[in-house]
Amino acid sequence: MAYIGHALIGDQDYGTRRRLSGAVPGAEVANSFVRQALHAATLGFAHPVSSQIMRFDSPLPSDIAQLLDALRFT
């Protein structure tokens, strides 16, 4: 994402050091986010031995939900 100019919030490895302007709603929450703002709601693959389709679902973590709420434009 950083390569195409859309770094992820909280990405300390590949992101830039840019911070959101205080004029952006939720900037304070975004600028203090301590991890990559990534989440996979569903992952799936064929098991390498049995070929059974494996599926894993995960709810949105509360910290990412709070980040999204803070960044919503109303």
Protein backbone atom coordinates (compact mmCIF):
# COMPACT_ATOMS: atom_id res chain seq x y z
CA MET A 1 0.00 0.00 0.00
CA ALA A 2 2.84 2.41 0.79
CA TYR A 3 4.25 1.78 -2.69
CA ILE A 4 1.10 3.16 -4.30
CA GLY A 5 0.90 6.06 -1.86
CA HIS A 6 -1.72 4.64 0.51
CA ALA A 7 0.16 3.61 3.62
CA LEU A 8 -1.80 1.90 6.38
CA ILE A 9 -2.52 3.57 9.69
CA GLY A 10 -0.14 2.22 12.31
CA ASP A 11 2.27 0.60 9.82
CA GLN A 12 5.69 1.15 11.36
CA ASP A 13 7.45 -1.29 9.01
CA TYR A 14 6.43 -0.11 5.55
CA GLY A 15 4.41 3.02 6.16
CA THR A 16 5.60 6.56 6.10
CA ARG A 17 6.08 8.77 9.12
CA ARG A 18 3.27 11.06 7.95
CA ARG A 19 0.60 11.94 10.43
CA LEU A 20 -2.96 13.02 9.82
CA SER A 21 -3.65 16.71 10.21
CA GLY A 22 -5.54 17.75 13.32
CA ALA A 23 -8.21 19.10 10.96
CA VAL A 24 -9.12 15.53 9.97
CA PRO A 25 -11.84 14.02 12.17
CA GLY A 26 -10.30 11.20 14.19
CA ALA A 27 -6.70 12.31 13.54
CA GLU A 28 -5.73 11.99 17.19
CA VAL A 29 -6.99 8.40 17.37
CA ALA A 30 -5.35 7.48 14.04
CA ASN A 31 -2.01 9.07 14.90
CA SER A 32 -1.84 7.18 18.19
CA PHE A 33 -2.88 3.79 16.74
CA VAL A 34 -0.16 1.37 17.89
CA ARG A 35 -0.40 -1.40 15.29
CA GLN A 36 -1.22 -1.96 11.64
CA ALA A 37 -4.89 -1.27 11.02
CA LEU A 38 -5.43 -4.55 9.20
CA HIS A 39 -8.04 -7.21 9.80
CA ALA A 40 -9.14 -10.29 7.89
CA ALA A 41 -12.79 -10.99 8.64
CA THR A 42 -12.62 -14.33 6.82
CA LEU A 43 -9.72 -16.50 5.72
CA GLY A 44 -9.99 -19.76 3.85
CA PHE A 45 -7.86 -22.35 2.10
CA ALA A 46 -7.75 -26.00 1.14
CA HIS A 47 -5.98 -28.10 3.78
CA PRO A 48 -2.65 -29.25 2.28
CA VAL A 49 -3.11 -32.90 3.31
CA SER A 50 -6.85 -33.61 3.33
CA SER A 51 -7.89 -30.98 0.73
CA GLN A 52 -10.76 -30.12 3.08
CA ILE A 53 -11.86 -26.50 2.72
CA MET A 54 -10.95 -24.65 5.91
CA ARG A 55 -12.67 -21.37 6.80
CA PHE A 56 -11.96 -19.07 9.71
CA ASP A 57 -14.08 -16.06 10.66
CA SER A 58 -13.02 -13.36 13.09
CA PRO A 59 -14.99 -10.37 14.38
CA LEU A 60 -13.57 -6.88 13.99
CA PRO A 61 -11.30 -6.08 16.96
CA SER A 62 -12.58 -3.31 19.20
CA ASP A 63 -9.55 -1.06 18.60
CA ILE A 64 -10.14 -1.09 14.83
CA ALA A 65 -13.87 -0.52 15.34
CA GLN A 66 -13.06 2.52 17.50
CA LEU A 67 -10.62 3.78 14.84
CA LEU A 68 -13.25 3.45 12.12
CA ASP A 69 -15.82 5.24 14.27
CA ALA A 70 -13.36 8.09 14.92
CA LEU A 71 -12.57 8.47 11.20
CA ARG A 72 -16.14 8.49 9.95
CA PHE A 73 -17.19 11.73 8.34
CA THR A 74 -20.69 12.74 9.39
